[in-house]
Amino acid sequence: MKVAVLAGGVGGARMALGFAEIVPPGDLSIIVNVGDDDRFHGLYVCPDLDTVLYTLSGVVDRTQSWGVADDSTRALEVLRKLDSPGGWMKLGDADLGLHLYRTSRLAQGASLTAVTEEVSHRFGVHCALLPASDEECPTMVEAATGLLRFQEWFVRDRASPTVKQLGFQAARKARITDRVRASLLAADLVVLAPSNPYLSILPMLEIGGMRDALQQAPGLKVAVSPLIGGRAIKGPLVKLMSDLGAGSSNSDIAASYSDFADAFVVDEGDSRDVANVSHQGALRVAAMPTLIPDAPRAEELARRLLDFASTRRTTGAAG
């Protein structure tokens, strides 16, 4: 079974790891959010791509779930001493090595997709790790304090300013890559990881061609809720939903995916929500253990999703 996963942040990286443990590399595509990408100290930084890369290659800092384990920050300390703009963005020395390589290759004319493929293979990651677009499409945050780039709001200001609106103008002018489209159209199962729907998944859905490709994709499309017991395991999701007036329930998140998704998965502890979400429309809703703090739990959820998709395929064929 060919699988495509839309991923961003820690939840997306762990979901990708679960599938990477059980799906052959040639059958797995991980499509990653690029709305977080930004430039620091003249270097092109891709936080979500790098978090997925580090997680799949086994070098991620398990304490903070991002960055490289046992990394040092000597270069960053010098930059801060020199009052270099953007010193608030924590970049380890190993991080900087990757960013130097990426920036150099992009300057030589290579696409972000090509550079990511080069880096992935050198890190021992052989599934397709695909940026959602090769074009720059930063997520903008219209906050109470003014218009901010995503990392300014999220890292520098610690996601504290009230959010009035998220801006995806650059994403709407951009296009998904041919490889992203092809992976979606070839997939038997498309999974929207339990990432932040508004900060990790929506920035990808707003890229030109993404929703069309998802709607045309013949495989089963399953979205996994990032909420457990009405709360996000990590990140500012509930506060953000409140700021945006978007509601803060599984039903609200399911509604945002209803134009293309076939099924929606909630945590088994939220099984009471199955009926609530089901009553909203045609989405099939299932309850599974969606808390994935480590590789074994991520693999368990991936197996459950594959079984779910296989059952649907068998049922459909029988019908």
Protein backbone atom coordinates (compact mmCIF):
# COMPACT_ATOMS: atom_id res chain seq x y z
CA MET A 1 0.00 0.00 0.00
CA LYS A 2 1.41 3.38 -1.01
CA VAL A 3 1.13 6.04 1.70
CA ALA A 4 1.41 9.84 1.61
CA VAL A 5 1.55 11.78 4.88
CA LEU A 6 1.01 15.54 5.21
CA ALA A 7 3.16 16.55 8.17
CA GLY A 8 4.38 19.51 10.15
CA GLY A 9 5.81 20.02 13.61
CA VAL A 10 6.55 17.34 16.20
CA GLY A 11 3.23 15.50 15.76
CA GLY A 12 3.80 15.25 12.03
CA ALA A 13 7.38 14.05 12.47
CA ARG A 14 6.31 11.29 14.85
CA MET A 15 3.50 10.20 12.54
CA ALA A 16 6.02 10.05 9.70
CA LEU A 17 8.31 7.91 11.88
CA GLY A 18 5.50 5.47 12.60
CA PHE A 19 4.90 4.85 8.90
CA ALA A 20 8.63 4.77 8.11
CA GLU A 21 8.98 1.82 10.49
CA ILE A 22 6.50 -0.36 8.58
CA VAL A 23 6.12 0.95 5.01
CA PRO A 24 8.85 0.26 2.41
CA PRO A 25 10.71 3.51 1.56
CA GLY A 26 9.62 3.38 -2.08
CA ASP A 27 5.97 3.34 -1.02
CA LEU A 28 6.11 6.24 1.47
CA SER A 29 6.00 9.98 0.78
CA ILE A 30 6.15 12.59 3.55
CA ILE A 31 4.86 15.97 2.37
CA VAL A 32 6.05 18.70 4.70
CA ASN A 33 4.88 22.20 5.55
CA VAL A 34 7.11 25.04 4.34
CA GLY A 35 5.08 27.91 5.81
CA ASP A 36 7.50 28.01 8.78
CA ASP A 37 10.57 28.50 6.57
CA ASP A 38 12.53 31.70 7.07
CA ARG A 39 15.97 33.26 6.75
CA PHE A 40 18.31 33.75 9.71
CA HIS A 41 21.86 35.10 9.53
CA GLY A 42 21.64 34.85 5.75
CA LEU A 43 20.73 31.15 5.88
CA TYR A 44 17.57 29.44 4.63
CA VAL A 45 16.02 27.56 7.54
CA CYS A 46 13.26 24.93 7.17
CA PRO A 47 12.15 24.00 10.72
CA ASP A 48 9.46 21.45 9.81
CA LEU A 49 11.50 19.72 7.11
CA ASP A 50 14.45 19.50 9.49
CA THR A 51 12.37 18.17 12.39
CA VAL A 52 11.04 15.39 10.17
CA LEU A 53 14.53 14.71 8.79
CA TYR A 54 16.14 14.53 12.23
CA THR A 55 13.33 12.34 13.56
CA LEU A 56 13.45 9.85 10.68
CA SER A 57 17.25 9.67 10.76
CA GLY A 58 17.35 9.06 14.53
CA VAL A 59 19.42 12.12 15.46
CA VAL A 60 16.63 14.27 16.90
CA ASP A 61 16.97 15.70 20.40
CA ARG A 62 14.41 13.53 22.19
CA THR A 63 14.11 15.92 25.13
CA GLN A 64 12.78 18.84 23.10
CA SER A 65 11.64 16.75 20.07
CA TRP A 66 13.42 19.03 17.59
CA GLY A 67 17.01 19.91 16.78
CA VAL A 68 19.95 17.51 16.94
CA ALA A 69 20.77 15.49 20.05
CA ASP A 70 23.82 16.71 22.01
CA ASP A 71 24.21 19.72 19.72
CA SER A 72 26.18 22.77 20.84
CA THR A 73 25.39 26.45 20.30
CA ARG A 74 28.82 28.07 20.16
CA ALA A 75 28.18 29.75 16.80
CA LEU A 76 24.84 31.10 18.03
CA GLU A 77 26.51 32.48 21.15
CA VAL A 78 28.92 34.47 18.96
CA LEU A 79 26.05 35.73 16.80
CA ARG A 80 24.18 36.87 19.90
CA LYS A 81 27.30 38.57 21.24
CA LEU A 82 27.46 40.48 17.96
CA ASP A 83 23.75 41.40 18.25
CA SER A 84 22.99 39.66 14.97
CA PRO A 85 19.29 40.01 14.11
CA GLY A 86 17.35 36.82 14.71
CA GLY A 87 19.55 35.66 17.58
CA TRP A 88 16.37 34.61 19.40
CA MET A 89 15.97 31.66 17.00
CA LYS A 90 17.84 28.74 18.56
CA LEU A 91 20.03 27.14 15.92
CA GLY A 92 22.55 24.54 16.98
CA ASP A 93 25.93 24.11 15.35
CA ALA A 94 24.81 20.95 13.53
CA ASP A 95 21.71 22.85 12.40
CA LEU A 96 23.90 25.58 10.98
CA GLY A 97 25.87 23.05 8.96
CA LEU A 98 22.67 21.83 7.31
CA HIS A 99 21.44 25.38 6.69
CA LEU A 100 24.78 26.36 5.14
CA TYR A 101 24.57 23.46 2.72
CA ARG A 102 20.92 24.11 1.83
CA THR A 103 21.50 27.84 1.28
CA SER A 104 24.53 27.20 -0.89
CA ARG A 105 22.72 24.65 -3.08
CA LEU A 106 19.68 26.90 -3.47
CA ALA A 107 21.98 29.74 -4.54
CA GLN A 108 23.42 27.41 -7.18
CA GLY A 109 19.94 26.99 -8.65
CA ALA A 110 18.87 23.67 -7.10
CA SER A 111 15.23 23.37 -6.04
CA LEU A 112 14.27 22.85 -2.41
CA THR A 113 12.93 19.42 -3.42
CA ALA A 114 16.26 18.43 -4.95
CA VAL A 115 18.27 19.71 -1.98
CA THR A 116 15.99 17.90 0.47
CA GLU A 117 16.44 14.67 -1.47
CA GLU A 118 20.23 15.05 -1.38
CA VAL A 119 20.21 15.75 2.34
CA SER A 120 17.76 12.94 3.11
CA HIS A 121 19.91 10.30 1.42
CA ARG A 122 23.05 11.51 3.19
CA PHE A 123 21.15 11.23 6.51
CA GLY A 124 20.01 7.70 5.66
CA VAL A 125 16.37 8.60 5.01
CA HIS A 126 15.20 6.86 1.84
CA CYS A 127 11.47 7.51 1.72
CA ALA A 128 10.41 10.57 -0.28
CA LEU A 129 10.72 13.63 1.96
CA LEU A 130 8.97 16.35 -0.03
CA PRO A 131 8.56 20.06 0.67
CA ALA A 132 4.97 20.99 -0.17
CA SER A 133 6.27 23.64 -2.58
CA ASP A 134 9.60 24.78 -4.00
CA GLU A 135 8.42 28.38 -3.76
CA GLU A 136 8.67 30.55 -0.67
CA CYS A 137 5.23 30.83 0.91
CA PRO A 138 5.66 32.08 4.49
CA THR A 139 2.73 32.00 6.87
CA MET A 140 2.02 35.50 8.16
CA VAL A 141 0.38 36.23 11.50
CA GLU A 142 -1.77 39.30 11.93
CA ALA A 143 -1.42 39.71 15.67
CA ALA A 144 -2.53 42.32 18.17
CA THR A 145 1.06 43.62 18.07
CA GLY A 146 1.20 43.91 14.27
CA LEU A 147 1.94 41.79 11.21
CA LEU A 148 4.53 39.12 12.04
CA ARG A 149 6.27 36.31 10.23
CA PHE A 150 5.43 32.96 11.76
CA GLN A 151 8.72 32.44 13.60
CA GLU A 152 8.57 35.95 15.06
CA TRP A 153 5.19 35.18 16.59
CA PHE A 154 5.85 31.56 17.52
CA VAL A 155 9.47 31.62 18.76
CA ARG A 156 10.44 35.21 19.49
CA ASP A 157 7.11 36.20 21.05
CA ARG A 158 6.34 32.67 22.35
CA ALA A 159 2.95 32.57 20.62
CA SER A 160 1.59 35.01 23.19
CA PRO A 161 0.19 37.90 21.07
CA THR A 162 -3.47 37.44 20.26
CA VAL A 163 -3.93 36.30 16.66
CA LYS A 164 -6.49 38.16 14.57
CA GLN A 165 -5.88 36.36 11.30
CA LEU A 166 -3.43 34.07 9.53
CA GLY A 167 -2.15 35.17 6.13
CA PHE A 168 -1.45 32.75 3.27
CA GLN A 169 -1.19 35.16 0.33
CA ALA A 170 2.20 33.84 -0.79
CA ALA A 171 1.00 30.23 -0.55
CA ARG A 172 -2.00 30.96 -2.78
CA LYS A 173 0.33 32.37 -5.46
CA ALA A 174 2.65 29.36 -5.20
CA ARG A 175 2.12 25.83 -6.54
CA ILE A 176 2.66 22.38 -5.13
CA THR A 177 5.46 20.48 -6.84
CA ASP A 178 4.91 17.84 -9.49
CA ARG A 179 6.30 15.24 -7.10
CA VAL A 180 3.80 16.19 -4.40
CA ARG A 181 0.91 15.93 -6.85
CA ALA A 182 2.17 12.59 -8.16
CA SER A 183 2.58 11.15 -4.66
CA LEU A 184 -0.99 12.11 -3.73
CA LEU A 185 -2.46 10.67 -6.91
CA ALA A 186 -0.51 7.41 -6.46
CA ALA A 187 -1.28 6.92 -2.76
CA ASP A 188 -3.67 4.25 -1.51
CA LEU A 189 -3.77 6.08 1.83
CA VAL A 190 -3.31 9.81 2.44
CA VAL A 191 -2.90 10.77 6.10
CA LEU A 192 -3.15 14.27 7.53
CA ALA A 193 -0.94 13.90 10.59
CA PRO A 194 -2.00 15.09 14.07
CA SER A 195 -0.18 18.37 13.44
CA ASN A 196 -1.57 21.80 14.27
CA PRO A 197 -4.37 22.18 11.65
CA TYR A 198 -3.94 25.96 11.39
CA LEU A 199 -0.15 26.31 11.58
CA SER A 200 1.07 23.11 9.89
CA ILE A 201 -1.70 21.63 7.72
CA LEU A 202 -3.65 24.70 6.54
CA PRO A 203 -0.49 26.40 5.15
CA MET A 204 -0.11 23.37 2.86
CA LEU A 205 -3.78 23.25 1.92
CA GLU A 206 -3.59 26.91 0.84
CA ILE A 207 -0.79 26.27 -1.66
CA GLY A 208 -2.07 26.40 -5.22
CA GLY A 209 -3.15 22.98 -6.45
CA MET A 210 -3.07 21.18 -3.09
CA ARG A 211 -6.80 20.94 -2.42
CA ASP A 212 -7.44 19.99 -6.05
CA ALA A 213 -4.86 17.22 -5.83
CA LEU A 214 -6.37 15.93 -2.59
CA GLN A 215 -9.86 15.96 -4.06
CA GLN A 216 -8.63 14.08 -7.13
CA ALA A 217 -6.57 11.59 -5.14
CA PRO A 218 -8.26 8.17 -5.43
CA GLY A 219 -6.87 6.78 -2.15
CA LEU A 220 -8.53 6.92 1.25
CA LYS A 221 -7.92 10.31 2.88
CA VAL A 222 -7.78 10.20 6.69
CA ALA A 223 -7.23 13.17 9.01
CA VAL A 224 -5.97 12.50 12.55
CA SER A 225 -7.06 14.96 15.23
CA PRO A 226 -4.31 16.59 17.32
CA LEU A 227 -6.73 17.02 20.24
CA ILE A 228 -6.93 14.63 23.16
CA GLY A 229 -9.49 15.41 25.81
CA GLY A 230 -10.07 18.80 24.23
CA ARG A 231 -6.42 19.80 24.54
CA ALA A 232 -3.40 19.74 22.25
CA ILE A 233 -0.49 17.63 23.47
CA LYS A 234 2.00 20.25 22.28
CA GLY A 235 1.80 23.81 21.02
CA PRO A 236 -0.71 26.68 21.13
CA LEU A 237 -3.57 25.08 19.17
CA VAL A 238 -6.45 25.63 21.61
CA LYS A 239 -5.44 29.25 22.30
CA LEU A 240 -5.10 29.87 18.58
CA MET A 241 -8.53 28.40 17.83
CA SER A 242 -9.98 30.64 20.52
CA ASP A 243 -8.22 33.71 19.09
CA LEU A 244 -9.55 32.94 15.62
CA GLY A 245 -13.05 32.14 16.86
CA ALA A 246 -12.73 28.77 15.16
CA GLY A 247 -14.07 26.64 18.00
CA SER A 248 -11.93 24.17 19.89
CA SER A 249 -13.41 20.71 19.38
CA ASN A 250 -12.88 17.65 17.22
CA SER A 251 -16.01 18.62 15.32
CA ASP A 252 -14.50 22.00 14.45
CA ILE A 253 -11.28 20.43 13.18
CA ALA A 254 -13.15 17.77 11.21
CA ALA A 255 -15.22 20.49 9.53
CA SER A 256 -12.05 22.18 8.24
CA TYR A 257 -11.10 18.97 6.36
CA SER A 258 -14.57 17.93 5.23
CA ASP A 259 -14.23 19.13 1.62
CA PHE A 260 -11.73 16.38 0.74
CA ALA A 261 -11.29 13.94 3.65
CA ASP A 262 -13.05 10.56 3.78
CA ALA A 263 -12.43 9.78 7.43
CA PHE A 264 -11.50 11.47 10.69
CA VAL A 265 -9.71 9.80 13.61
CA VAL A 266 -10.10 10.90 17.23
CA ASP A 267 -8.33 9.56 20.29
CA GLU A 268 -9.89 6.47 21.86
CA GLY A 269 -10.42 8.51 25.03
CA ASP A 270 -12.66 10.83 23.02
CA SER A 271 -14.87 8.07 21.63
CA ARG A 272 -17.93 10.10 22.66
CA ASP A 273 -16.99 12.50 19.87
CA VAL A 274 -17.40 9.82 17.20
CA ALA A 275 -21.15 10.29 17.04
CA ASN A 276 -20.90 14.09 17.26
CA VAL A 277 -18.54 14.35 14.30
CA SER A 278 -20.39 11.68 12.30
CA HIS A 279 -23.64 13.62 12.51
CA GLN A 280 -22.02 16.59 10.74
CA GLY A 281 -21.69 14.97 7.34
CA ALA A 282 -20.28 12.15 5.27
CA LEU A 283 -17.00 11.72 7.17
CA ARG A 284 -16.49 8.28 8.66
CA VAL A 285 -15.14 8.67 12.20
CA ALA A 286 -13.01 6.19 14.14
CA ALA A 287 -11.38 6.17 17.57
CA MET A 288 -7.73 5.04 17.93
CA PRO A 289 -4.86 5.63 20.39
CA THR A 290 -3.53 8.87 18.89
CA LEU A 291 -1.01 9.81 21.61
CA ILE A 292 2.37 9.06 20.01
CA PRO A 293 5.13 10.04 22.47
CA ASP A 294 7.62 7.55 21.04
CA ALA A 295 8.38 5.34 18.04
CA PRO A 296 6.47 2.23 19.24
CA ARG A 297 3.27 4.22 19.82
CA ALA A 298 3.69 5.98 16.48
CA GLU A 299 4.14 2.62 14.76
CA GLU A 300 1.03 1.25 16.50
CA LEU A 301 -1.07 4.16 15.22
CA ALA A 302 0.37 3.77 11.72
CA ARG A 303 -0.58 0.07 11.72
CA ARG A 304 -4.08 0.91 12.88
CA LEU A 305 -4.44 3.43 10.06
CA LEU A 306 -3.17 0.93 7.49
CA ASP A 307 -5.60 -1.69 8.79
CA PHE A 308 -8.41 0.87 8.64
CA ALA A 309 -7.54 1.69 5.03
CA SER A 310 -7.24 -2.00 4.09
CA THR A 311 -10.66 -2.70 5.58
CA ARG A 312 -12.18 0.14 3.60
CA ARG A 313 -10.56 -1.12 0.38
CA THR A 314 -11.77 -4.69 1.01
CA THR A 315 -15.28 -3.49 1.87
CA GLY A 316 -15.34 -1.28 -1.24
CA ALA A 317 -14.17 -4.12 -3.46
CA ALA A 318 -16.72 -6.48 -1.98
CA GLY A 319 -19.47 -3.94 -2.53
